[in-house]
Amino acid sequence: MTKEEIVLIISDKLRLIRTEAGYTQDKMANIIGLSKKTLVQIEKGRVMASWTAVIAICALFKDSETLTTSLGGEPLEIIETIAREGIDYRKEKTLGGKVWWKDVKKNDEYILQQNLFSQHFRILDFEDYRIYSSFDENNAHKRFDELTGK
C-alpha cells in the first residue's frame, strides 16, 4: 500500500468516519484542522485529503471500525510503516496477529507476518511486540534473518 492509496481510502471514507463518530461537519473540520469547505470538498470527492490530514484522522480516530476494516487493522501501524519504511523503531505491543494477519516465517523468538489487506509485513517478538514493519517483502525477510541469525 502506498501513501497515495491510503490518502485515497481515507478521503473516500471520511464521511463514514465522521458519522460513525457522531460529529457534524463543523466539529469534524475543527478536530482535524481543516476548514469546513475543505472537509465538504473531500466528502464530495472533489479533492483528496492531505497527508497531514490523513495522519490526524488515523491518530484521532484510530479506534474507528470504518478505518480498521478499510485498512486491515491498526491505522497508525500502517501510517508508521509508510512514514518509517524499513526502519526499526520502538517496540509496540500488538494483539499478535489474530485478525488481519498471516504468518510467513516463525521461530522461537520472532514471527514475520503479512497483513491481509495492506499487504505490509511486520516482525513481532515472542511477546507480540512489533519491532519492524515494511512494505518491502525482501527487506522484511532480510531483517527477519538478521534477527534470527540466519
N, C-alpha and C. Protein backbone atom coordinates (compact mmCIF):
# COMPACT_ATOMS: atom_id res chain seq x y z
N MET A 1 0.85 -1.17 0.00
CA MET A 1 0.00 0.00 0.00
C MET A 1 0.90 1.23 0.00
N THR A 2 0.53 2.21 -0.79
CA THR A 2 1.33 3.43 -0.88
C THR A 2 0.65 4.57 -0.13
N LYS A 3 1.40 5.66 0.04
CA LYS A 3 0.86 6.85 0.67
C LYS A 3 -0.37 7.34 -0.11
N GLU A 4 -0.27 7.32 -1.43
CA GLU A 4 -1.37 7.78 -2.28
C GLU A 4 -2.62 6.91 -2.11
N GLU A 5 -2.42 5.60 -1.98
CA GLU A 5 -3.56 4.70 -1.79
C GLU A 5 -4.24 4.95 -0.45
N ILE A 6 -3.46 5.21 0.57
CA ILE A 6 -4.04 5.50 1.89
C ILE A 6 -4.81 6.81 1.86
N VAL A 7 -4.23 7.82 1.21
CA VAL A 7 -4.93 9.11 1.08
C VAL A 7 -6.27 8.90 0.37
N LEU A 8 -6.27 8.10 -0.68
CA LEU A 8 -7.50 7.82 -1.42
C LEU A 8 -8.53 7.10 -0.55
N ILE A 9 -8.09 6.09 0.18
CA ILE A 9 -9.01 5.33 1.05
C ILE A 9 -9.61 6.23 2.13
N ILE A 10 -8.76 7.00 2.81
CA ILE A 10 -9.24 7.86 3.90
C ILE A 10 -10.15 8.95 3.35
N SER A 11 -9.78 9.53 2.23
CA SER A 11 -10.62 10.57 1.61
C SER A 11 -11.99 10.00 1.27
N ASP A 12 -12.00 8.80 0.73
CA ASP A 12 -13.24 8.14 0.33
C ASP A 12 -14.12 7.78 1.54
N LYS A 13 -13.50 7.47 2.67
CA LYS A 13 -14.22 7.02 3.86
C LYS A 13 -14.46 8.12 4.89
N LEU A 14 -14.03 9.32 4.60
CA LEU A 14 -14.09 10.39 5.61
C LEU A 14 -15.50 10.64 6.13
N ARG A 15 -16.48 10.67 5.25
CA ARG A 15 -17.86 10.89 5.69
C ARG A 15 -18.30 9.78 6.65
N LEU A 16 -17.97 8.53 6.34
CA LEU A 16 -18.33 7.41 7.22
C LEU A 16 -17.63 7.51 8.57
N ILE A 17 -16.37 7.89 8.54
CA ILE A 17 -15.62 8.04 9.79
C ILE A 17 -16.26 9.13 10.65
N ARG A 18 -16.62 10.24 10.01
CA ARG A 18 -17.25 11.36 10.73
C ARG A 18 -18.59 10.95 11.31
N THR A 19 -19.44 10.31 10.51
CA THR A 19 -20.77 9.94 11.01
C THR A 19 -20.68 8.83 12.07
N GLU A 20 -19.71 7.94 11.92
CA GLU A 20 -19.50 6.90 12.94
C GLU A 20 -19.16 7.55 14.29
N ALA A 21 -18.39 8.62 14.24
CA ALA A 21 -18.01 9.33 15.47
C ALA A 21 -19.14 10.23 15.99
N GLY A 22 -20.15 10.47 15.16
CA GLY A 22 -21.27 11.30 15.57
C GLY A 22 -21.00 12.79 15.51
N TYR A 23 -20.08 13.21 14.63
CA TYR A 23 -19.72 14.61 14.53
C TYR A 23 -20.39 15.29 13.34
N THR A 24 -20.67 16.57 13.52
CA THR A 24 -21.12 17.40 12.41
C THR A 24 -19.90 17.74 11.55
N GLN A 25 -20.15 18.29 10.37
CA GLN A 25 -19.02 18.70 9.53
C GLN A 25 -18.22 19.80 10.21
N ASP A 26 -18.89 20.73 10.88
CA ASP A 26 -18.18 21.80 11.59
C ASP A 26 -17.25 21.23 12.65
N LYS A 27 -17.77 20.33 13.47
CA LYS A 27 -16.98 19.75 14.56
C LYS A 27 -15.81 18.93 14.01
N MET A 28 -16.06 18.11 12.99
CA MET A 28 -15.01 17.28 12.41
C MET A 28 -13.91 18.14 11.80
N ALA A 29 -14.30 19.17 11.06
CA ALA A 29 -13.32 20.06 10.44
C ALA A 29 -12.43 20.69 11.51
N ASN A 30 -13.03 21.12 12.60
CA ASN A 30 -12.28 21.72 13.69
C ASN A 30 -11.32 20.72 14.33
N ILE A 31 -11.77 19.49 14.53
CA ILE A 31 -10.95 18.47 15.18
C ILE A 31 -9.72 18.12 14.35
N ILE A 32 -9.88 17.97 13.04
CA ILE A 32 -8.73 17.55 12.22
C ILE A 32 -7.98 18.72 11.59
N GLY A 33 -8.42 19.95 11.87
CA GLY A 33 -7.67 21.12 11.44
C GLY A 33 -7.89 21.53 10.00
N LEU A 34 -9.10 21.32 9.50
CA LEU A 34 -9.46 21.73 8.14
C LEU A 34 -10.56 22.77 8.20
N SER A 35 -10.73 23.50 7.12
CA SER A 35 -11.91 24.36 7.03
C SER A 35 -13.11 23.47 6.70
N LYS A 36 -14.31 23.93 7.04
CA LYS A 36 -15.50 23.15 6.71
C LYS A 36 -15.61 23.00 5.19
N LYS A 37 -15.25 24.03 4.46
CA LYS A 37 -15.32 23.99 3.00
C LYS A 37 -14.42 22.86 2.45
N THR A 38 -13.22 22.75 2.98
CA THR A 38 -12.31 21.68 2.54
C THR A 38 -12.86 20.32 2.89
N LEU A 39 -13.38 20.18 4.10
CA LEU A 39 -13.98 18.91 4.51
C LEU A 39 -15.12 18.51 3.58
N VAL A 40 -15.98 19.44 3.25
CA VAL A 40 -17.10 19.16 2.33
C VAL A 40 -16.57 18.74 0.97
N GLN A 41 -15.53 19.41 0.48
CA GLN A 41 -14.94 19.07 -0.82
C GLN A 41 -14.38 17.64 -0.81
N ILE A 42 -13.76 17.26 0.30
CA ILE A 42 -13.22 15.89 0.43
C ILE A 42 -14.37 14.89 0.45
N GLU A 43 -15.38 15.16 1.26
CA GLU A 43 -16.51 14.25 1.38
C GLU A 43 -17.27 14.08 0.06
N LYS A 44 -17.29 15.11 -0.76
CA LYS A 44 -17.97 15.03 -2.06
C LYS A 44 -17.07 14.44 -3.14
N GLY A 45 -15.83 14.12 -2.80
CA GLY A 45 -14.91 13.51 -3.75
C GLY A 45 -14.30 14.47 -4.74
N ARG A 46 -14.35 15.75 -4.46
CA ARG A 46 -13.80 16.76 -5.37
C ARG A 46 -12.31 16.98 -5.18
N VAL A 47 -11.83 16.76 -3.95
CA VAL A 47 -10.40 16.86 -3.64
C VAL A 47 -10.03 15.72 -2.70
N MET A 48 -8.76 15.47 -2.60
CA MET A 48 -8.25 14.45 -1.68
C MET A 48 -7.75 15.13 -0.41
N ALA A 49 -7.82 14.41 0.68
CA ALA A 49 -7.25 14.91 1.93
C ALA A 49 -5.74 15.00 1.79
N SER A 50 -5.14 15.90 2.54
CA SER A 50 -3.68 15.99 2.56
C SER A 50 -3.12 14.85 3.41
N TRP A 51 -1.84 14.56 3.24
CA TRP A 51 -1.19 13.53 4.05
C TRP A 51 -1.27 13.90 5.54
N THR A 52 -1.11 15.17 5.86
CA THR A 52 -1.20 15.63 7.24
C THR A 52 -2.59 15.38 7.81
N ALA A 53 -3.62 15.65 7.03
CA ALA A 53 -4.99 15.39 7.48
C ALA A 53 -5.23 13.89 7.67
N VAL A 54 -4.69 13.08 6.78
CA VAL A 54 -4.84 11.62 6.89
C VAL A 54 -4.18 11.12 8.18
N ILE A 55 -3.00 11.63 8.49
CA ILE A 55 -2.33 11.24 9.73
C ILE A 55 -3.17 11.65 10.94
N ALA A 56 -3.71 12.86 10.91
CA ALA A 56 -4.56 13.33 12.01
C ALA A 56 -5.79 12.44 12.17
N ILE A 57 -6.42 12.09 11.07
CA ILE A 57 -7.61 11.24 11.11
C ILE A 57 -7.26 9.87 11.68
N CYS A 58 -6.17 9.29 11.22
CA CYS A 58 -5.76 7.96 11.70
C CYS A 58 -5.40 8.01 13.19
N ALA A 59 -4.79 9.09 13.63
CA ALA A 59 -4.41 9.20 15.04
C ALA A 59 -5.62 9.45 15.93
N LEU A 60 -6.47 10.36 15.51
CA LEU A 60 -7.61 10.74 16.36
C LEU A 60 -8.77 9.77 16.31
N PHE A 61 -8.85 8.99 15.23
CA PHE A 61 -9.96 8.05 15.08
C PHE A 61 -9.45 6.62 14.90
N LYS A 62 -8.34 6.31 15.58
CA LYS A 62 -7.68 5.01 15.42
C LYS A 62 -8.58 3.84 15.82
N ASP A 63 -9.59 4.08 16.63
CA ASP A 63 -10.50 3.01 17.05
C ASP A 63 -11.73 2.92 16.16
N SER A 64 -11.77 3.70 15.10
CA SER A 64 -12.90 3.69 14.18
C SER A 64 -13.02 2.34 13.47
N GLU A 65 -14.18 1.75 13.53
CA GLU A 65 -14.40 0.48 12.83
C GLU A 65 -14.24 0.66 11.32
N THR A 66 -14.68 1.80 10.81
CA THR A 66 -14.54 2.09 9.38
C THR A 66 -13.06 2.10 8.98
N LEU A 67 -12.23 2.77 9.77
CA LEU A 67 -10.79 2.82 9.48
C LEU A 67 -10.16 1.43 9.59
N THR A 68 -10.48 0.74 10.66
CA THR A 68 -9.89 -0.58 10.89
C THR A 68 -10.22 -1.55 9.77
N THR A 69 -11.46 -1.59 9.35
CA THR A 69 -11.84 -2.53 8.29
C THR A 69 -11.34 -2.06 6.92
N SER A 70 -11.21 -0.77 6.72
CA SER A 70 -10.72 -0.25 5.44
C SER A 70 -9.23 -0.49 5.25
N LEU A 71 -8.47 -0.45 6.35
CA LEU A 71 -7.03 -0.58 6.27
C LEU A 71 -6.52 -1.95 6.72
N GLY A 72 -7.40 -2.77 7.26
CA GLY A 72 -6.99 -4.10 7.67
C GLY A 72 -6.21 -4.13 8.96
N GLY A 73 -6.70 -3.43 9.94
CA GLY A 73 -6.04 -3.45 11.24
C GLY A 73 -5.81 -2.06 11.78
N GLU A 74 -4.70 -1.90 12.46
CA GLU A 74 -4.40 -0.67 13.18
C GLU A 74 -3.96 0.44 12.23
N PRO A 75 -4.77 1.50 12.10
CA PRO A 75 -4.44 2.59 11.17
C PRO A 75 -3.07 3.22 11.41
N LEU A 76 -2.72 3.41 12.67
CA LEU A 76 -1.44 4.06 12.96
C LEU A 76 -0.25 3.19 12.57
N GLU A 77 -0.40 1.88 12.66
CA GLU A 77 0.69 1.00 12.25
C GLU A 77 0.96 1.14 10.75
N ILE A 78 -0.08 1.24 9.97
CA ILE A 78 0.09 1.38 8.53
C ILE A 78 0.73 2.74 8.20
N ILE A 79 0.26 3.79 8.86
CA ILE A 79 0.83 5.13 8.67
C ILE A 79 2.32 5.12 9.05
N GLU A 80 2.64 4.53 10.20
CA GLU A 80 4.04 4.46 10.64
C GLU A 80 4.90 3.66 9.67
N THR A 81 4.34 2.58 9.14
CA THR A 81 5.11 1.75 8.20
C THR A 81 5.47 2.54 6.96
N ILE A 82 4.53 3.31 6.45
CA ILE A 82 4.81 4.13 5.27
C ILE A 82 5.81 5.23 5.60
N ALA A 83 5.59 5.90 6.72
CA ALA A 83 6.46 7.03 7.08
C ALA A 83 7.88 6.60 7.43
N ARG A 84 8.02 5.41 8.03
CA ARG A 84 9.33 4.95 8.50
C ARG A 84 9.79 3.71 7.76
N GLU A 85 9.48 3.60 6.52
CA GLU A 85 9.76 2.40 5.72
C GLU A 85 11.14 1.81 6.02
N GLY A 86 11.11 0.57 6.50
CA GLY A 86 12.34 -0.19 6.69
C GLY A 86 13.19 0.18 7.89
N ILE A 87 12.66 0.94 8.82
CA ILE A 87 13.42 1.36 9.98
C ILE A 87 12.87 0.68 11.23
N ASP A 88 13.74 0.07 12.03
CA ASP A 88 13.31 -0.46 13.32
C ASP A 88 12.92 0.73 14.20
N TYR A 89 11.93 0.56 15.04
CA TYR A 89 11.54 1.63 15.94
C TYR A 89 11.08 1.02 17.24
N ARG A 90 10.64 1.88 18.14
CA ARG A 90 10.30 1.41 19.47
C ARG A 90 9.37 0.20 19.42
N LYS A 91 9.51 -0.64 20.39
CA LYS A 91 8.63 -1.81 20.46
C LYS A 91 7.22 -1.34 20.80
N GLU A 92 6.24 -1.95 20.16
CA GLU A 92 4.85 -1.61 20.41
C GLU A 92 4.05 -2.90 20.53
N LYS A 93 3.30 -3.04 21.61
CA LYS A 93 2.52 -4.25 21.87
C LYS A 93 1.40 -4.36 20.85
N THR A 94 1.23 -5.57 20.31
CA THR A 94 0.15 -5.85 19.36
C THR A 94 -0.73 -6.96 19.92
N LEU A 95 -1.77 -7.29 19.20
CA LEU A 95 -2.62 -8.41 19.59
C LEU A 95 -2.09 -9.74 19.06
N GLY A 96 -0.96 -9.70 18.39
CA GLY A 96 -0.31 -10.92 17.93
C GLY A 96 -0.76 -11.41 16.56
N GLY A 97 -1.58 -10.63 15.90
CA GLY A 97 -1.97 -11.01 14.54
C GLY A 97 -3.10 -12.00 14.45
N LYS A 98 -3.99 -11.99 15.42
CA LYS A 98 -5.11 -12.93 15.41
C LYS A 98 -6.12 -12.61 14.31
N VAL A 99 -6.18 -11.35 13.93
CA VAL A 99 -7.07 -10.91 12.86
C VAL A 99 -6.24 -10.09 11.89
N TRP A 100 -6.51 -10.18 10.64
CA TRP A 100 -5.89 -9.39 9.57
C TRP A 100 -4.50 -9.86 9.15
N TRP A 101 -3.91 -10.86 9.78
CA TRP A 101 -2.52 -11.23 9.53
C TRP A 101 -2.37 -12.71 9.20
N LYS A 102 -1.38 -13.01 8.34
CA LYS A 102 -0.98 -14.40 8.12
C LYS A 102 0.49 -14.53 8.49
N ASP A 103 0.85 -15.66 9.07
CA ASP A 103 2.23 -15.93 9.44
C ASP A 103 3.02 -16.34 8.22
N VAL A 104 4.18 -15.73 8.03
CA VAL A 104 5.04 -16.03 6.89
C VAL A 104 6.22 -16.90 7.33
N LYS A 105 6.89 -16.48 8.41
CA LYS A 105 8.03 -17.21 8.98
C LYS A 105 7.93 -17.13 10.49
N LYS A 106 8.48 -18.14 11.14
CA LYS A 106 8.37 -18.18 12.59
C LYS A 106 9.54 -18.96 13.17
N ASN A 107 10.02 -18.52 14.34
CA ASN A 107 10.93 -19.33 15.14
C ASN A 107 10.56 -19.11 16.60
N ASP A 108 11.39 -19.53 17.52
CA ASP A 108 11.04 -19.41 18.95
C ASP A 108 11.01 -17.97 19.45
N GLU A 109 11.74 -17.07 18.76
CA GLU A 109 11.84 -15.70 19.24
C GLU A 109 11.05 -14.68 18.44
N TYR A 110 10.89 -14.91 17.12
CA TYR A 110 10.28 -13.91 16.25
C TYR A 110 9.28 -14.55 15.29
N ILE A 111 8.38 -13.69 14.79
CA ILE A 111 7.44 -14.12 13.77
C ILE A 111 7.33 -13.02 12.72
N LEU A 112 7.38 -13.41 11.48
CA LEU A 112 7.19 -12.48 10.35
C LEU A 112 5.77 -12.69 9.86
N GLN A 113 5.01 -11.61 9.81
CA GLN A 113 3.62 -11.68 9.37
C GLN A 113 3.37 -10.72 8.22
N GLN A 114 2.29 -11.00 7.44
CA GLN A 114 1.86 -10.11 6.37
C GLN A 114 0.40 -9.77 6.59
N ASN A 115 0.08 -8.48 6.47
CA ASN A 115 -1.29 -8.02 6.61
C ASN A 115 -2.10 -8.41 5.39
N LEU A 116 -3.29 -8.95 5.62
CA LEU A 116 -4.13 -9.45 4.53
C LEU A 116 -4.72 -8.33 3.67
N PHE A 117 -4.84 -7.14 4.21
CA PHE A 117 -5.40 -6.02 3.44
C PHE A 117 -4.32 -5.16 2.81
N SER A 118 -3.48 -4.57 3.65
CA SER A 118 -2.48 -3.63 3.16
C SER A 118 -1.29 -4.34 2.52
N GLN A 119 -1.10 -5.61 2.84
CA GLN A 119 -0.01 -6.44 2.34
C GLN A 119 1.35 -6.07 2.93
N HIS A 120 1.39 -5.21 3.96
CA HIS A 120 2.69 -4.90 4.54
C HIS A 120 3.11 -6.01 5.50
N PHE A 121 4.40 -6.03 5.80
CA PHE A 121 5.00 -7.05 6.64
C PHE A 121 5.39 -6.44 7.98
N ARG A 122 5.41 -7.28 9.01
CA ARG A 122 5.90 -6.85 10.30
C ARG A 122 6.57 -8.03 10.98
N ILE A 123 7.47 -7.70 11.91
CA ILE A 123 8.13 -8.71 12.73
C ILE A 123 7.73 -8.44 14.17
N LEU A 124 7.25 -9.50 14.83
CA LEU A 124 6.89 -9.44 16.24
C LEU A 124 7.87 -10.29 17.02
N ASP A 125 8.12 -9.90 18.28
CA ASP A 125 8.91 -10.77 19.14
C ASP A 125 7.98 -11.77 19.82
N PHE A 126 8.53 -12.63 20.67
CA PHE A 126 7.74 -13.70 21.27
C PHE A 126 6.66 -13.20 22.23
N GLU A 127 6.73 -11.91 22.61
CA GLU A 127 5.70 -11.32 23.48
C GLU A 127 4.70 -10.49 22.68
N ASP A 128 4.72 -10.61 21.35
CA ASP A 128 3.82 -9.90 20.44
C ASP A 128 4.08 -8.40 20.35
N TYR A 129 5.34 -7.99 20.61
CA TYR A 129 5.71 -6.59 20.40
C TYR A 129 6.21 -6.43 18.97
N ARG A 130 5.69 -5.43 18.28
CA ARG A 130 6.11 -5.14 16.91
C ARG A 130 7.44 -4.40 16.97
N ILE A 131 8.41 -4.92 16.23
CA ILE A 131 9.73 -4.29 16.24
C ILE A 131 10.17 -3.84 14.85
N TYR A 132 9.44 -4.23 13.81
CA TYR A 132 9.82 -3.86 12.46
C TYR A 132 8.59 -3.95 11.56
N SER A 133 8.48 -3.02 10.61
CA SER A 133 7.42 -3.05 9.60
C SER A 133 7.97 -2.56 8.28
N SER A 134 7.47 -3.13 7.18
CA SER A 134 7.91 -2.70 5.86
C SER A 134 6.92 -3.20 4.81
N PHE A 135 6.79 -2.44 3.73
CA PHE A 135 6.02 -2.90 2.59
C PHE A 135 6.90 -3.72 1.64
N ASP A 136 8.20 -3.70 1.86
CA ASP A 136 9.15 -4.41 1.00
C ASP A 136 9.37 -5.82 1.54
N GLU A 137 8.89 -6.82 0.80
CA GLU A 137 8.96 -8.21 1.25
C GLU A 137 10.41 -8.67 1.42
N ASN A 138 11.27 -8.34 0.47
CA ASN A 138 12.67 -8.76 0.57
C ASN A 138 13.35 -8.18 1.81
N ASN A 139 13.10 -6.91 2.09
CA ASN A 139 13.69 -6.29 3.28
C ASN A 139 13.15 -6.93 4.56
N ALA A 140 11.88 -7.27 4.57
CA ALA A 140 11.28 -7.90 5.75
C ALA A 140 11.91 -9.27 6.00
N HIS A 141 12.09 -10.06 4.94
CA HIS A 141 12.73 -11.37 5.09
C HIS A 141 14.19 -11.20 5.53
N LYS A 142 14.88 -10.22 4.95
CA LYS A 142 16.28 -9.98 5.31
C LYS A 142 16.40 -9.59 6.78
N ARG A 143 15.52 -8.70 7.24
CA ARG A 143 15.56 -8.27 8.64
C ARG A 143 15.23 -9.42 9.57
N PHE A 144 14.27 -10.28 9.19
CA PHE A 144 13.92 -11.45 9.99
C PHE A 144 15.14 -12.37 10.12
N ASP A 145 15.82 -12.60 9.00
CA ASP A 145 17.00 -13.46 9.01
C ASP A 145 18.12 -12.86 9.86
N GLU A 146 18.28 -11.54 9.82
CA GLU A 146 19.28 -10.88 10.66
C GLU A 146 18.96 -11.09 12.14
N LEU A 147 17.70 -10.92 12.49
CA LEU A 147 17.28 -11.07 13.89
C LEU A 147 17.44 -12.51 14.39
N THR A 148 17.20 -13.45 13.51
CA THR A 148 17.25 -14.86 13.91
C THR A 148 18.62 -15.48 13.71
N GLY A 149 19.58 -14.70 13.17
CA GLY A 149 20.93 -15.17 12.99
C GLY A 149 21.12 -16.16 11.85
N LYS A 150 20.24 -16.08 10.87
CA LYS A 150 20.35 -16.99 9.72
C LYS A 150 21.12 -16.37 8.59
